[in-house]
């Protein structure tokens, strides 16, 4: 098992109702696996939202294996007006 911390911003925070989540995951879990889990927990509220993923404050572009102690941020598109 690995322990990770997820930082939630903007629509992700709204969808999950939390700023931060701590999880224990199986060894070998990837960023894509985690995104699927987060989208399921959001109960459709993130259905049409594209999410960027940062691991330890560095953006990742493809499926990346997560490690014990990683900090993950799901970053929705920037909004403004």
PDB file of N, CA and C in Angstrom:
ATOM      1  N   UNK A   1       0.843  -1.196   0.000  1.00  0.00           N
ATOM      2  CA  UNK A   1       0.000   0.000   0.000  1.00  0.00           C
ATOM      3  C   UNK A   1       0.882   1.252   0.000  1.00  0.00           C
ATOM      4  N   UNK A   2       0.395   2.269  -0.698  1.00  0.00           N
ATOM      5  CA  UNK A   2       1.066   3.563  -0.683  1.00  0.00           C
ATOM      6  C   UNK A   2       0.082   4.602  -0.160  1.00  0.00           C
ATOM      7  N   UNK A   3       0.613   5.650   0.434  1.00  0.00           N
ATOM      8  CA  UNK A   3      -0.213   6.751   0.919  1.00  0.00           C
ATOM      9  C   UNK A   3       0.091   7.967   0.065  1.00  0.00           C
ATOM     10  N   UNK A   4      -0.981   8.623  -0.405  1.00  0.00           N
ATOM     11  CA  UNK A   4      -0.828   9.839  -1.202  1.00  0.00           C
ATOM     12  C   UNK A   4      -1.744  10.924  -0.657  1.00  0.00           C
ATOM     13  N   UNK A   5      -1.475  12.152  -1.090  1.00  0.00           N
ATOM     14  CA  UNK A   5      -2.317  13.290  -0.723  1.00  0.00           C
ATOM     15  C   UNK A   5      -2.775  13.944  -2.021  1.00  0.00           C
ATOM     16  N   UNK A   6      -4.062  14.261  -2.101  1.00  0.00           N
ATOM     17  CA  UNK A   6      -4.624  14.911  -3.281  1.00  0.00           C
ATOM     18  C   UNK A   6      -5.057  16.317  -2.908  1.00  0.00           C
ATOM     19  N   UNK A   7      -4.576  17.300  -3.654  1.00  0.00           N
ATOM     20  CA  UNK A   7      -5.004  18.694  -3.499  1.00  0.00           C
ATOM     21  C   UNK A   7      -6.121  18.952  -4.506  1.00  0.00           C
ATOM     22  N   UNK A   8      -7.220  19.525  -4.044  1.00  0.00           N
ATOM     23  CA  UNK A   8      -8.384  19.755  -4.903  1.00  0.00           C
ATOM     24  C   UNK A   8      -8.564  21.251  -5.142  1.00  0.00           C
ATOM     25  N   UNK A   9      -8.675  21.625  -6.406  1.00  0.00           N
ATOM     26  CA  UNK A   9      -8.850  23.020  -6.784  1.00  0.00           C
ATOM     27  C   UNK A   9     -10.127  23.195  -7.608  1.00  0.00           C
ATOM     28  N   UNK A  10     -10.713  24.371  -7.542  1.00  0.00           N
ATOM     29  CA  UNK A  10     -11.812  24.808  -8.394  1.00  0.00           C
ATOM     30  C   UNK A  10     -12.935  23.771  -8.501  1.00  0.00           C
ATOM     31  N   UNK A  11     -13.239  23.288  -9.720  1.00  0.00           N
ATOM     32  CA  UNK A  11     -14.357  22.363  -9.910  1.00  0.00           C
ATOM     33  C   UNK A  11     -14.159  21.050  -9.162  1.00  0.00           C
ATOM     34  N   UNK A  12     -12.922  20.631  -8.997  1.00  0.00           N
ATOM     35  CA  UNK A  12     -12.661  19.378  -8.271  1.00  0.00           C
ATOM     36  C   UNK A  12     -13.040  19.569  -6.805  1.00  0.00           C
ATOM     37  N   UNK A  13     -12.672  20.702  -6.235  1.00  0.00           N
ATOM     38  CA  UNK A  13     -13.042  21.005  -4.852  1.00  0.00           C
ATOM     39  C   UNK A  13     -14.562  21.055  -4.710  1.00  0.00           C
ATOM     40  N   UNK A  14     -15.212  21.703  -5.648  1.00  0.00           N
ATOM     41  CA  UNK A  14     -16.673  21.791  -5.611  1.00  0.00           C
ATOM     42  C   UNK A  14     -17.309  20.395  -5.722  1.00  0.00           C
ATOM     43  N   UNK A  15     -16.814  19.594  -6.663  1.00  0.00           N
ATOM     44  CA  UNK A  15     -17.390  18.276  -6.915  1.00  0.00           C
ATOM     45  C   UNK A  15     -17.227  17.328  -5.729  1.00  0.00           C
ATOM     46  N   UNK A  16     -16.078  17.424  -5.045  1.00  0.00           N
ATOM     47  CA  UNK A  16     -15.797  16.502  -3.944  1.00  0.00           C
ATOM     48  C   UNK A  16     -16.087  17.089  -2.570  1.00  0.00           C
ATOM     49  N   UNK A  17     -16.221  18.413  -2.507  1.00  0.00           N
ATOM     50  CA  UNK A  17     -16.511  19.066  -1.239  1.00  0.00           C
ATOM     51  C   UNK A  17     -15.344  19.096  -0.275  1.00  0.00           C
ATOM     52  N   UNK A  18     -14.120  18.949  -0.795  1.00  0.00           N
ATOM     53  CA  UNK A  18     -12.931  18.935   0.065  1.00  0.00           C
ATOM     54  C   UNK A  18     -11.773  19.657  -0.620  1.00  0.00           C
ATOM     55  N   UNK A  19     -10.912  20.240   0.205  1.00  0.00           N
ATOM     56  CA  UNK A  19      -9.689  20.877  -0.302  1.00  0.00           C
ATOM     57  C   UNK A  19      -8.562  19.867  -0.480  1.00  0.00           C
ATOM     58  N   UNK A  20      -8.604  18.821   0.332  1.00  0.00           N
ATOM     59  CA  UNK A  20      -7.512  17.855   0.348  1.00  0.00           C
ATOM     60  C   UNK A  20      -8.053  16.484   0.750  1.00  0.00           C
ATOM     61  N   UNK A  21      -7.485  15.451   0.145  1.00  0.00           N
ATOM     62  CA  UNK A  21      -7.899  14.076   0.440  1.00  0.00           C
ATOM     63  C   UNK A  21      -6.643  13.234   0.628  1.00  0.00           C
ATOM     64  N   UNK A  22      -6.624  12.418   1.656  1.00  0.00           N
ATOM     65  CA  UNK A  22      -5.537  11.453   1.865  1.00  0.00           C
ATOM     66  C   UNK A  22      -6.088  10.070   1.534  1.00  0.00           C
ATOM     67  N   UNK A  23      -5.334   9.313   0.738  1.00  0.00           N
ATOM     68  CA  UNK A  23      -5.770   7.976   0.341  1.00  0.00           C
ATOM     69  C   UNK A  23      -4.659   6.958   0.505  1.00  0.00           C
ATOM     70  N   UNK A  24      -5.053   5.732   0.743  1.00  0.00           N
ATOM     71  CA  UNK A  24      -4.140   4.594   0.673  1.00  0.00           C
ATOM     72  C   UNK A  24      -4.526   3.813  -0.575  1.00  0.00           C
ATOM     73  N   UNK A  25      -3.548   3.552  -1.430  1.00  0.00           N
ATOM     74  CA  UNK A  25      -3.792   2.878  -2.692  1.00  0.00           C
ATOM     75  C   UNK A  25      -2.880   1.673  -2.835  1.00  0.00           C
ATOM     76  N   UNK A  26      -3.249   0.789  -3.737  1.00  0.00           N
ATOM     77  CA  UNK A  26      -2.409  -0.368  -4.022  1.00  0.00           C
ATOM     78  C   UNK A  26      -1.128   0.061  -4.732  1.00  0.00           C
ATOM     79  N   UNK A  27      -0.046  -0.660  -4.466  1.00  0.00           N
ATOM     80  CA  UNK A  27       1.194  -0.449  -5.214  1.00  0.00           C
ATOM     81  C   UNK A  27       0.877  -0.614  -6.692  1.00  0.00           C
ATOM     82  N   UNK A  28       1.486   0.189  -7.530  1.00  0.00           N
ATOM     83  CA  UNK A  28       1.265   0.083  -8.971  1.00  0.00           C
ATOM     84  C   UNK A  28       0.129   0.951  -9.486  1.00  0.00           C
ATOM     85  N   UNK A  29      -0.587   1.644  -8.586  1.00  0.00           N
ATOM     86  CA  UNK A  29      -1.652   2.544  -9.022  1.00  0.00           C
ATOM     87  C   UNK A  29      -1.028   3.679  -9.835  1.00  0.00           C
ATOM     88  N   UNK A  30      -1.712   4.077 -10.905  1.00  0.00           N
ATOM     89  CA  UNK A  30      -1.196   5.126 -11.775  1.00  0.00           C
ATOM     90  C   UNK A  30      -2.057   6.391 -11.689  1.00  0.00           C
ATOM     91  N   UNK A  31      -1.557   7.465 -12.282  1.00  0.00           N
ATOM     92  CA  UNK A  31      -2.304   8.720 -12.312  1.00  0.00           C
ATOM     93  C   UNK A  31      -3.630   8.543 -13.051  1.00  0.00           C
ATOM     94  N   UNK A  32      -3.656   7.734 -14.110  1.00  0.00           N
ATOM     95  CA  UNK A  32      -4.917   7.480 -14.813  1.00  0.00           C
ATOM     96  C   UNK A  32      -5.907   6.720 -13.936  1.00  0.00           C
ATOM     97  N   UNK A  33      -5.416   5.734 -13.186  1.00  0.00           N
ATOM     98  CA  UNK A  33      -6.282   4.992 -12.253  1.00  0.00           C
ATOM     99  C   UNK A  33      -6.893   5.955 -11.242  1.00  0.00           C
ATOM    100  N   UNK A  34      -6.050   6.843 -10.705  1.00  0.00           N
ATOM    101  CA  UNK A  34      -6.515   7.787  -9.689  1.00  0.00           C
ATOM    102  C   UNK A  34      -7.538   8.762 -10.263  1.00  0.00           C
ATOM    103  N   UNK A  35      -7.304   9.231 -11.484  1.00  0.00           N
ATOM    104  CA  UNK A  35      -8.271  10.141 -12.106  1.00  0.00           C
ATOM    105  C   UNK A  35      -9.630   9.459 -12.253  1.00  0.00           C
ATOM    106  N   UNK A  36      -9.649   8.196 -12.651  1.00  0.00           N
ATOM    107  CA  UNK A  36     -10.901   7.458 -12.768  1.00  0.00           C
ATOM    108  C   UNK A  36     -11.608   7.379 -11.417  1.00  0.00           C
ATOM    109  N   UNK A  37     -10.840   7.126 -10.348  1.00  0.00           N
ATOM    110  CA  UNK A  37     -11.426   7.053  -9.002  1.00  0.00           C
ATOM    111  C   UNK A  37     -12.044   8.388  -8.597  1.00  0.00           C
ATOM    112  N   UNK A  38     -11.321   9.473  -8.861  1.00  0.00           N
ATOM    113  CA  UNK A  38     -11.803  10.808  -8.489  1.00  0.00           C
ATOM    114  C   UNK A  38     -13.066  11.151  -9.267  1.00  0.00           C
ATOM    115  N   UNK A  39     -13.082  10.833 -10.540  1.00  0.00           N
ATOM    116  CA  UNK A  39     -14.277  11.104 -11.348  1.00  0.00           C
ATOM    117  C   UNK A  39     -15.479  10.293 -10.836  1.00  0.00           C
ATOM    118  N   UNK A  40     -15.257   9.063 -10.416  1.00  0.00           N
ATOM    119  CA  UNK A  40     -16.352   8.260  -9.852  1.00  0.00           C
ATOM    120  C   UNK A  40     -16.870   8.873  -8.557  1.00  0.00           C
ATOM    121  N   UNK A  41     -15.940   9.334  -7.695  1.00  0.00           N
ATOM    122  CA  UNK A  41     -16.344   9.959  -6.434  1.00  0.00           C
ATOM    123  C   UNK A  41     -17.128  11.253  -6.674  1.00  0.00           C
ATOM    124  N   UNK A  42     -16.874  11.920  -7.807  1.00  0.00           N
ATOM    125  CA  UNK A  42     -17.532  13.197  -8.118  1.00  0.00           C
ATOM    126  C   UNK A  42     -18.958  13.005  -8.631  1.00  0.00           C
ATOM    127  N   UNK A  43     -19.365  11.764  -8.846  1.00  0.00           N
ATOM    128  CA  UNK A  43     -20.745  11.440  -9.243  1.00  0.00           C
ATOM    129  C   UNK A  43     -21.227  12.254 -10.449  1.00  0.00           C
ATOM    130  N   UNK A  44     -20.386  12.328 -11.475  1.00  0.00           N
ATOM    131  CA  UNK A  44     -20.764  12.996 -12.714  1.00  0.00           C
ATOM    132  C   UNK A  44     -20.492  14.484 -12.769  1.00  0.00           C
ATOM    133  N   UNK A  45     -20.106  15.097 -11.657  1.00  0.00           N
ATOM    134  CA  UNK A  45     -19.886  16.544 -11.639  1.00  0.00           C
ATOM    135  C   UNK A  45     -18.642  16.966 -12.421  1.00  0.00           C
ATOM    136  N   UNK A  46     -17.778  16.021 -12.749  1.00  0.00           N
ATOM    137  CA  UNK A  46     -16.573  16.342 -13.531  1.00  0.00           C
ATOM    138  C   UNK A  46     -16.633  15.721 -14.928  1.00  0.00           C
ATOM    139  N   UNK A  47     -17.819  15.329 -15.341  1.00  0.00           N
ATOM    140  CA  UNK A  47     -17.987  14.587 -16.585  1.00  0.00           C
ATOM    141  C   UNK A  47     -17.396  15.290 -17.802  1.00  0.00           C
ATOM    142  N   UNK A  48     -17.601  16.572 -17.965  1.00  0.00           N
ATOM    143  CA  UNK A  48     -17.119  17.303 -19.141  1.00  0.00           C
ATOM    144  C   UNK A  48     -15.954  18.235 -18.811  1.00  0.00           C
ATOM    145  N   UNK A  49     -15.252  17.945 -17.734  1.00  0.00           N
ATOM    146  CA  UNK A  49     -14.137  18.789 -17.303  1.00  0.00           C
ATOM    147  C   UNK A  49     -12.815  18.083 -17.625  1.00  0.00           C
ATOM    148  N   UNK A  50     -11.954  18.762 -18.375  1.00  0.00           N
ATOM    149  CA  UNK A  50     -10.620  18.243 -18.655  1.00  0.00           C
ATOM    150  C   UNK A  50      -9.732  18.581 -17.473  1.00  0.00           C
ATOM    151  N   UNK A  51      -9.018  17.590 -16.962  1.00  0.00           N
ATOM    152  CA  UNK A  51      -8.179  17.810 -15.791  1.00  0.00           C
ATOM    153  C   UNK A  51      -6.708  17.649 -16.142  1.00  0.00           C
ATOM    154  N   UNK A  52      -5.899  18.621 -15.713  1.00  0.00           N
ATOM    155  CA  UNK A  52      -4.457  18.450 -15.745  1.00  0.00           C
ATOM    156  C   UNK A  52      -4.054  17.763 -14.450  1.00  0.00           C
ATOM    157  N   UNK A  53      -2.967  17.016 -14.489  1.00  0.00           N
ATOM    158  CA  UNK A  53      -2.518  16.311 -13.294  1.00  0.00           C
ATOM    159  C   UNK A  53      -1.072  16.697 -13.007  1.00  0.00           C
ATOM    160  N   UNK A  54      -0.827  17.081 -11.752  1.00  0.00           N
ATOM    161  CA  UNK A  54       0.534  17.364 -11.304  1.00  0.00           C
ATOM    162  C   UNK A  54       0.871  16.403 -10.171  1.00  0.00           C
ATOM    163  N   UNK A  55       2.066  15.848 -10.242  1.00  0.00           N
ATOM    164  CA  UNK A  55       2.566  14.988  -9.175  1.00  0.00           C
ATOM    165  C   UNK A  55       3.781  15.677  -8.585  1.00  0.00           C
ATOM    166  N   UNK A  56       3.712  15.959  -7.292  1.00  0.00           N
ATOM    167  CA  UNK A  56       4.792  16.666  -6.598  1.00  0.00           C
ATOM    168  C   UNK A  56       5.147  17.969  -7.313  1.00  0.00           C
ATOM    169  N   UNK A  57       4.088  18.703  -7.699  1.00  0.00           N
ATOM    170  CA  UNK A  57       4.175  20.034  -8.305  1.00  0.00           C
ATOM    171  C   UNK A  57       4.769  20.046  -9.712  1.00  0.00           C
ATOM    172  N   UNK A  58       4.775  18.889 -10.389  1.00  0.00           N
ATOM    173  CA  UNK A  58       5.243  18.821 -11.774  1.00  0.00           C
ATOM    174  C   UNK A  58       4.143  18.175 -12.612  1.00  0.00           C
ATOM    175  N   UNK A  59       3.751  18.878 -13.684  1.00  0.00           N
ATOM    176  CA  UNK A  59       2.726  18.332 -14.568  1.00  0.00           C
ATOM    177  C   UNK A  59       3.196  17.029 -15.196  1.00  0.00           C
ATOM    178  N   UNK A  60       2.272  16.083 -15.325  1.00  0.00           N
ATOM    179  CA  UNK A  60       2.550  14.831 -16.041  1.00  0.00           C
ATOM    180  C   UNK A  60       1.574  14.758 -17.209  1.00  0.00           C
ATOM    181  N   UNK A  61       2.039  14.225 -18.322  1.00  0.00           N
ATOM    182  CA  UNK A  61       1.220  14.180 -19.518  1.00  0.00           C
ATOM    183  C   UNK A  61       0.678  12.794 -19.815  1.00  0.00           C
ATOM    184  N   UNK A  62       1.283  11.777 -19.245  1.00  0.00           N
ATOM    185  CA  UNK A  62       0.820  10.425 -19.534  1.00  0.00           C
ATOM    186  C   UNK A  62       0.641   9.648 -18.241  1.00  0.00           C
ATOM    187  N   UNK A  63       0.205   8.434 -18.380  1.00  0.00           N
ATOM    188  CA  UNK A  63      -0.053   7.554 -17.250  1.00  0.00           C
ATOM    189  C   UNK A  63       1.236   7.357 -16.452  1.00  0.00           C
ATOM    190  N   UNK A  64       1.254   7.828 -15.210  1.00  0.00           N
ATOM    191  CA  UNK A  64       2.459   7.804 -14.385  1.00  0.00           C
ATOM    192  C   UNK A  64       2.208   7.005 -13.110  1.00  0.00           C
ATOM    193  N   UNK A  65       3.129   6.124 -12.768  1.00  0.00           N
ATOM    194  CA  UNK A  65       3.007   5.322 -11.550  1.00  0.00           C
ATOM    195  C   UNK A  65       3.141   6.237 -10.333  1.00  0.00           C
ATOM    196  N   UNK A  66       2.258   6.041  -9.356  1.00  0.00           N
ATOM    197  CA  UNK A  66       2.290   6.822  -8.126  1.00  0.00           C
ATOM    198  C   UNK A  66       3.160   6.121  -7.094  1.00  0.00           C
ATOM    199  N   UNK A  67       3.801   6.932  -6.250  1.00  0.00           N
ATOM    200  CA  UNK A  67       4.685   6.410  -5.215  1.00  0.00           C
ATOM    201  C   UNK A  67       4.235   6.884  -3.841  1.00  0.00           C
ATOM    202  N   UNK A  68       4.644   6.156  -2.822  1.00  0.00           N
ATOM    203  CA  UNK A  68       4.320   6.505  -1.447  1.00  0.00           C
ATOM    204  C   UNK A  68       4.764   7.937  -1.160  1.00  0.00           C
ATOM    205  N   UNK A  69       3.866   8.739  -0.582  1.00  0.00           N
ATOM    206  CA  UNK A  69       4.181  10.108  -0.204  1.00  0.00           C
ATOM    207  C   UNK A  69       3.935  11.135  -1.295  1.00  0.00           C
ATOM    208  N   UNK A  70       3.509  10.715  -2.492  1.00  0.00           N
ATOM    209  CA  UNK A  70       3.261  11.674  -3.569  1.00  0.00           C
ATOM    210  C   UNK A  70       2.129  12.625  -3.211  1.00  0.00           C
ATOM    211  N   UNK A  71       2.246  13.850  -3.718  1.00  0.00           N
ATOM    212  CA  UNK A  71       1.184  14.846  -3.616  1.00  0.00           C
ATOM    213  C   UNK A  71       0.655  15.073  -5.024  1.00  0.00           C
ATOM    214  N   UNK A  72      -0.624  14.824  -5.206  1.00  0.00           N
ATOM    215  CA  UNK A  72      -1.243  14.936  -6.519  1.00  0.00           C
ATOM    216  C   UNK A  72      -2.203  16.108  -6.511  1.00  0.00           C
ATOM    217  N   UNK A  73      -2.188  16.872  -7.600  1.00  0.00           N
ATOM    218  CA  UNK A  73      -3.145  17.958  -7.770  1.00  0.00           C
ATOM    219  C   UNK A  73      -3.878  17.735  -9.087  1.00  0.00           C
ATOM    220  N   UNK A  74      -5.191  17.764  -9.032  1.00  0.00           N
ATOM    221  CA  UNK A  74      -6.006  17.750 -10.242  1.00  0.00           C
ATOM    222  C   UNK A  74      -6.370  19.188 -10.530  1.00  0.00           C
ATOM    223  N   UNK A  75      -5.941  19.674 -11.698  1.00  0.00           N
ATOM    224  CA  UNK A  75      -6.071  21.085 -12.008  1.00  0.00           C
ATOM    225  C   UNK A  75      -6.993  21.257 -13.199  1.00  0.00           C
ATOM    226  N   UNK A  76      -8.197  21.811 -12.972  1.00  0.00           N
ATOM    227  CA  UNK A  76      -9.124  22.057 -14.076  1.00  0.00           C
ATOM    228  C   UNK A  76      -8.638  23.239 -14.909  1.00  0.00           C
ATOM    229  N   UNK A  77      -9.230  23.438 -16.094  1.00  0.00           N
ATOM    230  CA  UNK A  77      -8.847  24.574 -16.921  1.00  0.00           C
ATOM    231  C   UNK A  77      -9.049  25.892 -16.169  1.00  0.00           C
ATOM    232  N   UNK A  78      -8.204  26.852 -16.478  1.00  0.00           N
ATOM    233  CA  UNK A  78      -8.302  28.159 -15.841  1.00  0.00           C
ATOM    234  C   UNK A  78      -9.564  28.847 -16.342  1.00  0.00           C
ATOM    235  N   UNK A  79     -10.296  29.441 -15.402  1.00  0.00           N
ATOM    236  CA  UNK A  79     -11.512  30.166 -15.763  1.00  0.00           C
ATOM    237  C   UNK A  79     -11.347  31.615 -15.371  1.00  0.00           C
ATOM    238  N   UNK A  80     -12.047  32.439 -16.026  1.00  0.00           N
ATOM    239  CA  UNK A  80     -11.975  33.864 -15.687  1.00  0.00           C
ATOM    240  C   UNK A  80     -13.009  34.639 -16.468  1.00  0.00           C
ATOM    241  N   UNK A  81     -12.998  35.908 -16.220  1.00  0.00           N
ATOM    242  CA  UNK A  81     -13.968  36.698 -16.976  1.00  0.00           C
ATOM    243  C   UNK A  81     -13.957  38.117 -16.538  1.00  0.00           C
TER     244      UNK A  81
END
